[in-house]
Amino acid sequence: LILDAHVTCIYSEDCILPCTFPPSSEGVVFQWYKQETLIFSYLEDKDESVHTDISVFTDEVLHGNASLLLEDSSIRSRGQYKCVVNTTKSVWESNVIVKVEAPISGITIGVIPTQHVQCSSHRVYPAPLLKWSTDPSLARTSLQAVTRMSADSNDLFSIASTLKKISTNLNLTYICSITSKYSLNSWRASLLQTEMTVNFGQHLVIPCMAPKNIKSLTLTWTFISMNTHTDILTYYSKTQRIQYYWADQGELDLYKAMMGDGSLYFKYLGSKHSGTYVCTFTGFQVIHIVQTLVKNNVSKEISQADSSGFKLWMAALIVAAVALPCVIFCIYNK
């Protein structure tokens, strides 16, 4: 009797290749082959292995279990295996097709110089699929991306894709999706860059909304100025707790945060608050980043300065107009 099975082993984890037969109390002999090459042999409680990283469950052989254990599976573990069991009653064969997968364990997205967005993932097998999209949606033909793939000494892949930003649209969210070929396991990263021109001395709200259907999220706010990164706060949705790092500089509305609104509130905005604020939502296989550049309303300051100067000139002219007749009168009387 010949049985077939398909097994997907996870990279660097132990993996069991199934092989079962009707229990027999004596005369059990079996072999394991890989690509028709003998790799393991079992004969009357004695086993011989060609490799040190494979074994069987000796205590379970008489119960009909001749399964093979691959320890610390690697990319080289993939292939076609065959189990042949001989008992006093019959011969059993099992063919096992083994795939090996190193699942996606993380994804990064960010802005690099020359107006490009980059998305990447590392130590993945087999080579994953990467796709770009935007919100609002744009035609694929308008997205100019260059994707590169490389493999390390363990045959694990790294993928990095660079997308040219659409300069005509400032409120465009760039979305990168990386998907495994075997399990169709997909990770998603998105990035939005925006700007705010504000008046110092007033209150401010920097908006940041979580993507839909994201659960068990973590929210972090970071401030960047002069290449210096300062952590502002972290919010954990599981515990509904906020941890502040930048005292009295920015606050979160806890109730709104529970609803997915991670906007940052400032009661008073000073010149030291000018810079980039980064809001990062992290969930299961999802990351969403909003970068907001906060700038001072320089034109209004200039306008106010011009207005103040004009008022001073007017005051000076009025004083001069009043004082001049008095000076003339004094000179005439002399």
Protein backbone atom coordinates (compact mmCIF):
# COMPACT_ATOMS: atom_id res chain seq x y z
CA LEU A 1 0.00 0.00 0.00
CA ILE A 2 1.39 3.41 -0.98
CA LEU A 3 0.33 6.59 0.81
CA ASP A 4 1.25 10.17 -0.13
CA ALA A 5 1.58 13.16 2.18
CA HIS A 6 2.59 16.80 1.84
CA VAL A 7 4.39 18.53 4.70
CA THR A 8 5.55 22.13 5.06
CA CYS A 9 8.39 22.47 7.56
CA ILE A 10 9.13 25.78 9.26
CA TYR A 11 12.73 26.88 8.88
CA SER A 12 14.96 26.17 11.93
CA GLU A 13 12.17 24.23 13.69
CA ASP A 14 11.72 20.48 14.17
CA CYS A 15 9.49 18.78 11.62
CA ILE A 16 7.78 15.37 11.58
CA LEU A 17 7.37 13.35 8.37
CA PRO A 18 4.45 10.93 8.90
CA CYS A 19 4.67 7.20 8.30
CA THR A 20 2.19 4.83 9.96
CA PHE A 21 1.31 1.18 9.55
CA PRO A 22 -0.81 -1.47 11.36
CA PRO A 23 0.84 -2.24 14.73
CA SER A 24 3.04 -5.33 14.81
CA SER A 25 4.70 -6.89 17.83
CA GLU A 26 7.65 -8.33 15.92
CA GLY A 27 9.56 -8.37 12.70
CA VAL A 28 9.32 -4.63 11.98
CA VAL A 29 11.90 -3.29 9.57
CA PHE A 30 11.75 0.09 7.85
CA GLN A 31 13.89 2.50 5.89
CA TRP A 32 13.67 6.17 5.01
CA TYR A 33 14.93 7.45 1.68
CA LYS A 34 15.44 10.95 0.34
CA GLN A 35 15.52 11.23 -3.44
CA GLU A 36 16.08 7.42 -3.51
CA THR A 37 19.12 7.72 -1.21
CA LEU A 38 18.98 5.77 2.09
CA ILE A 39 19.13 8.15 5.06
CA PHE A 40 17.74 6.01 7.92
CA SER A 41 17.35 2.30 8.65
CA TYR A 42 15.57 0.50 11.51
CA LEU A 43 15.93 -3.21 12.27
CA GLU A 44 14.73 -4.95 15.44
CA ASP A 45 15.24 -2.09 17.90
CA LYS A 46 18.43 -1.02 16.16
CA ASP A 47 18.53 2.12 14.06
CA GLU A 48 21.19 3.55 11.82
CA SER A 49 21.11 7.13 10.60
CA VAL A 50 23.22 8.69 7.91
CA HIS A 51 22.64 12.14 9.44
CA THR A 52 22.79 13.25 13.08
CA ASP A 53 19.80 15.57 12.75
CA ILE A 54 17.21 12.87 11.98
CA SER A 55 15.66 10.25 14.25
CA VAL A 56 12.51 8.18 14.86
CA PHE A 57 10.25 7.61 17.84
CA THR A 58 11.65 4.24 18.89
CA ASP A 59 9.12 3.68 21.67
CA GLU A 60 6.26 4.02 19.20
CA VAL A 61 7.46 1.72 16.43
CA LEU A 62 5.59 -1.33 17.73
CA HIS A 63 2.46 0.83 17.87
CA GLY A 64 2.66 1.48 14.15
CA ASN A 65 4.57 4.77 14.08
CA ALA A 66 7.65 4.98 11.86
CA SER A 67 7.54 8.77 11.45
CA LEU A 68 10.81 10.59 10.89
CA LEU A 69 11.87 13.62 12.95
CA LEU A 70 13.89 16.30 11.16
CA GLU A 71 15.64 18.45 13.73
CA ASP A 72 16.29 22.12 13.04
CA SER A 73 15.02 21.91 9.46
CA SER A 74 16.83 23.94 6.82
CA ILE A 75 16.27 24.76 3.16
CA ARG A 76 18.19 21.58 2.31
CA SER A 77 15.49 19.56 4.09
CA ARG A 78 13.05 20.04 1.23
CA GLY A 79 12.52 17.29 -1.30
CA GLN A 80 10.80 13.92 -1.75
CA TYR A 81 11.06 11.31 1.01
CA LYS A 82 9.94 7.70 1.06
CA CYS A 83 9.23 5.44 4.02
CA VAL A 84 9.23 1.65 3.41
CA VAL A 85 7.95 -0.59 6.23
CA ASN A 86 8.26 -4.37 6.18
CA THR A 87 6.33 -6.50 8.67
CA THR A 88 5.61 -10.21 8.81
CA LYS A 89 2.23 -9.46 7.24
CA SER A 90 2.81 -6.85 4.54
CA VAL A 91 4.86 -4.02 3.04
CA TRP A 92 3.83 -0.37 3.44
CA GLU A 93 5.18 2.64 1.60
CA SER A 94 4.65 6.35 2.28
CA ASN A 95 5.81 9.15 0.02
CA VAL A 96 6.26 12.52 1.70
CA ILE A 97 6.76 15.72 -0.27
CA VAL A 98 8.52 18.25 1.96
CA LYS A 99 8.49 22.01 1.49
CA VAL A 100 10.38 24.39 3.77
CA GLU A 101 9.14 27.86 4.60
CA ALA A 102 10.79 30.70 6.47
CA PRO A 103 7.71 32.83 7.18
CA ILE A 104 7.74 36.61 6.99
CA SER A 105 8.65 37.82 10.48
CA GLY A 106 8.63 41.57 9.93
CA ILE A 107 8.24 44.43 7.50
CA THR A 108 9.68 47.94 7.41
CA ILE A 109 8.69 51.05 5.48
CA GLY A 110 10.24 54.49 5.41
CA VAL A 111 11.32 57.48 3.36
CA ILE A 112 14.78 57.56 1.86
CA PRO A 113 16.53 60.51 0.14
CA THR A 114 15.57 61.68 -3.35
CA GLN A 115 11.84 61.44 -2.67
CA HIS A 116 11.45 57.67 -2.51
CA VAL A 117 9.60 55.27 -0.19
CA GLN A 118 11.28 51.96 0.62
CA CYS A 119 9.69 48.73 1.85
CA SER A 120 11.68 45.65 2.90
CA SER A 121 11.67 42.28 4.64
CA HIS A 122 14.47 39.84 5.46
CA ARG A 123 15.19 36.12 6.00
CA VAL A 124 12.22 34.80 4.04
CA TYR A 125 11.85 31.57 2.03
CA PRO A 126 10.81 31.03 -0.68
CA ALA A 127 11.12 34.42 -2.39
CA PRO A 128 8.03 36.44 -1.37
CA LEU A 129 5.73 38.56 -3.51
CA LEU A 130 5.72 42.36 -3.05
CA LYS A 131 3.01 44.73 -4.23
CA TRP A 132 2.58 48.52 -3.99
CA SER A 133 -0.72 50.41 -3.83
CA THR A 134 -1.99 53.77 -2.60
CA ASP A 135 -4.91 55.31 -0.77
CA PRO A 136 -6.65 57.00 -2.54
CA SER A 137 -6.07 54.41 -5.23
CA LEU A 138 -3.93 55.32 -8.25
CA ALA A 139 -3.33 53.43 -11.48
CA ARG A 140 -0.54 50.86 -11.22
CA THR A 141 1.15 52.47 -14.20
CA SER A 142 1.74 55.64 -12.17
CA LEU A 143 3.68 53.72 -9.49
CA GLN A 144 7.35 53.50 -10.45
CA ALA A 145 9.07 50.93 -8.25
CA VAL A 146 12.37 49.05 -8.36
CA THR A 147 12.42 45.74 -6.45
CA ARG A 148 15.59 43.82 -5.61
CA MET A 149 16.00 40.32 -4.19
CA SER A 150 19.08 38.70 -2.63
CA ALA A 151 19.87 35.46 -0.79
CA ASP A 152 22.22 34.89 2.15
CA SER A 153 24.45 31.89 2.91
CA ASN A 154 21.43 29.99 4.29
CA ASP A 155 19.44 30.56 1.08
CA LEU A 156 17.07 32.93 2.86
CA PHE A 157 15.83 35.87 0.83
CA SER A 158 15.81 39.59 1.51
CA ILE A 159 13.52 41.79 -0.53
CA ALA A 160 13.65 45.58 -0.85
CA SER A 161 11.51 47.75 -3.08
CA THR A 162 11.92 51.48 -3.71
CA LEU A 163 8.96 53.51 -4.97
CA LYS A 164 9.17 57.02 -6.38
CA LYS A 165 6.79 59.36 -4.55
CA ILE A 166 4.00 61.12 -6.40
CA SER A 167 5.03 64.75 -5.87
CA THR A 168 1.66 66.18 -6.91
CA ASN A 169 -0.24 64.49 -4.09
CA LEU A 170 0.78 65.36 -0.52
CA ASN A 171 -1.99 63.41 1.25
CA LEU A 172 -1.29 60.05 -0.35
CA THR A 173 -0.83 56.91 1.73
CA TYR A 174 1.72 54.48 0.27
CA ILE A 175 0.90 50.82 0.99
CA CYS A 176 3.33 47.91 0.69
CA SER A 177 2.15 44.28 0.93
CA ILE A 178 4.54 41.32 1.15
CA THR A 179 3.06 37.83 0.81
CA SER A 180 4.53 34.35 1.32
CA LYS A 181 4.23 31.99 -1.64
CA TYR A 182 3.32 28.86 0.32
CA SER A 183 1.06 29.95 3.17
CA LEU A 184 -0.17 33.16 1.50
CA ASN A 185 0.72 34.82 4.80
CA SER A 186 0.64 38.59 4.12
CA TRP A 187 2.20 41.56 5.91
CA ARG A 188 1.20 45.16 5.24
CA ALA A 189 3.02 48.44 5.86
CA SER A 190 1.68 51.90 5.04
CA LEU A 191 3.10 55.42 5.21
CA LEU A 192 1.52 58.87 5.05
CA GLN A 193 3.49 62.14 5.04
CA THR A 194 1.77 65.43 5.71
CA GLU A 195 2.50 69.00 6.86
CA MET A 196 0.93 71.50 9.24
CA THR A 197 1.63 75.25 9.37
CA VAL A 198 0.72 76.53 12.83
CA ASN A 199 0.90 79.61 15.03
CA PHE A 200 3.08 79.22 18.09
CA GLY A 201 1.46 80.10 21.38
CA GLN A 202 -1.76 78.26 20.56
CA HIS A 203 -3.07 74.75 21.18
CA LEU A 204 -2.58 72.09 18.50
CA VAL A 205 -4.00 68.70 17.51
CA ILE A 206 -1.86 66.46 15.28
CA PRO A 207 -4.23 63.89 13.74
CA CYS A 208 -3.46 60.19 13.40
CA MET A 209 -6.04 57.47 12.74
CA ALA A 210 -5.50 53.71 12.93
CA PRO A 211 -6.20 51.58 9.84
CA LYS A 212 -9.50 49.73 9.81
CA ASN A 213 -9.77 46.23 11.30
CA ILE A 214 -6.49 46.46 13.22
CA LYS A 215 -6.71 44.80 16.64
CA SER A 216 -4.44 44.56 19.67
CA LEU A 217 -2.47 47.55 18.48
CA THR A 218 0.39 49.50 19.97
CA LEU A 219 0.67 53.23 19.26
CA THR A 220 3.89 55.20 19.61
CA TRP A 221 4.54 58.91 19.11
CA THR A 222 8.06 60.16 18.39
CA PHE A 223 9.40 63.69 17.83
CA ILE A 224 12.28 64.35 15.43
CA SER A 225 14.20 67.63 15.38
CA MET A 226 17.75 68.29 14.20
CA ASN A 227 18.23 64.51 13.65
CA THR A 228 17.41 63.88 17.31
CA HIS A 229 14.63 61.38 18.12
CA THR A 230 12.57 61.89 21.29
CA ASP A 231 9.95 59.39 22.45
CA ILE A 232 6.70 61.10 23.44
CA LEU A 233 4.39 58.26 24.49
CA THR A 234 3.28 54.66 23.95
CA TYR A 235 -0.29 53.38 24.09
CA TYR A 236 -1.15 49.69 24.56
CA SER A 237 -4.68 48.75 23.50
CA LYS A 238 -4.64 45.42 25.38
CA THR A 239 -4.16 47.11 28.75
CA GLN A 240 -5.59 50.51 27.71
CA ARG A 241 -2.54 52.09 29.29
CA ILE A 242 -0.56 55.14 28.17
CA GLN A 243 3.09 55.56 29.07
CA TYR A 244 4.45 59.10 28.75
CA TYR A 245 8.14 59.87 28.21
CA TRP A 246 8.07 63.58 27.26
CA ALA A 247 6.53 65.25 30.30
CA ASP A 248 3.78 67.82 29.69
CA GLN A 249 4.58 68.07 25.99
CA GLY A 250 1.81 66.05 24.34
CA GLU A 251 -1.25 64.10 25.42
CA LEU A 252 -3.52 61.36 24.11
CA ASP A 253 -7.28 61.13 24.61
CA LEU A 254 -7.62 57.63 26.09
CA TYR A 255 -11.26 57.20 25.07
CA LYS A 256 -10.54 58.25 21.48
CA ALA A 257 -7.44 56.05 21.39
CA MET A 258 -9.64 53.07 22.25
CA MET A 259 -11.68 53.94 19.15
CA GLY A 260 -8.58 54.09 16.93
CA ASP A 261 -8.00 57.85 17.10
CA GLY A 262 -4.38 58.37 18.14
CA SER A 263 -4.28 62.16 17.65
CA LEU A 264 -1.74 64.06 19.76
CA TYR A 265 -2.90 67.11 21.75
CA PHE A 266 -0.79 70.11 22.75
CA LYS A 267 -2.17 72.74 25.14
CA TYR A 268 0.55 75.22 24.23
CA LEU A 269 2.84 75.16 21.22
CA GLY A 270 6.23 76.83 21.39
CA SER A 271 9.15 77.17 18.99
CA LYS A 272 10.77 74.06 20.50
CA HIS A 273 7.87 72.00 19.14
CA SER A 274 8.79 72.69 15.52
CA GLY A 275 9.82 69.46 13.79
CA THR A 276 8.49 66.10 12.60
CA TYR A 277 6.02 64.04 14.61
CA VAL A 278 5.84 60.32 13.84
CA CYS A 279 2.75 58.30 14.76
CA THR A 280 3.19 54.52 14.44
CA PHE A 281 0.41 51.96 14.78
CA THR A 282 1.66 48.37 15.11
CA GLY A 283 -0.66 45.36 15.04
CA PHE A 284 -0.68 41.74 13.90
CA GLN A 285 1.27 41.74 10.62
CA VAL A 286 0.38 45.42 10.13
CA ILE A 287 2.27 48.67 10.58
CA HIS A 288 0.95 52.14 9.76
CA ILE A 289 3.08 55.30 10.00
CA VAL A 290 2.03 58.94 9.77
CA GLN A 291 4.79 61.57 9.60
CA THR A 292 3.64 65.15 10.21
CA LEU A 293 5.97 68.10 9.69
CA VAL A 294 4.94 70.97 11.98
CA LYS A 295 6.13 74.40 10.80
CA ASN A 296 5.69 77.90 12.19
CA ASN A 297 3.48 80.33 10.28
CA VAL A 298 6.33 82.65 9.28
CA SER A 299 4.19 84.77 6.95
CA LYS A 300 1.86 85.67 9.79
CA GLU A 301 4.81 86.63 11.99
CA ILE A 302 6.13 88.86 9.21
CA SER A 303 2.69 90.35 8.75
CA GLN A 304 2.43 91.01 12.47
CA ALA A 305 5.90 92.51 12.49
CA ASP A 306 5.02 94.76 9.55
CA SER A 307 1.82 95.77 11.31
CA SER A 308 3.71 96.60 14.49
CA GLY A 309 6.26 98.63 12.54
CA PHE A 310 3.50 100.52 10.76
CA LYS A 311 1.84 101.35 14.06
CA LEU A 312 5.14 102.66 15.46
CA TRP A 313 5.65 104.87 12.40
CA MET A 314 2.13 106.24 12.72
CA ALA A 315 2.66 106.97 16.39
CA ALA A 316 5.92 108.75 15.60
CA LEU A 317 4.26 110.88 12.91
CA ILE A 318 1.44 111.86 15.26
CA VAL A 319 3.90 112.85 17.97
CA ALA A 320 5.91 114.84 15.44
CA ALA A 321 2.79 116.56 14.13
CA VAL A 322 1.80 117.63 17.65
CA ALA A 323 5.28 118.65 18.74
CA LEU A 324 6.26 120.68 15.66
CA PRO A 325 3.89 123.65 16.24
CA CYS A 326 5.07 123.86 19.85
CA VAL A 327 8.69 124.05 18.76
CA ILE A 328 7.90 126.75 16.18
CA PHE A 329 5.93 128.74 18.77
CA CYS A 330 8.81 128.62 21.26
CA ILE A 331 11.33 129.78 18.65
CA TYR A 332 9.05 132.65 17.52
CA ASN A 333 8.57 133.95 21.06
CA LYS A 334 12.29 134.08 21.60
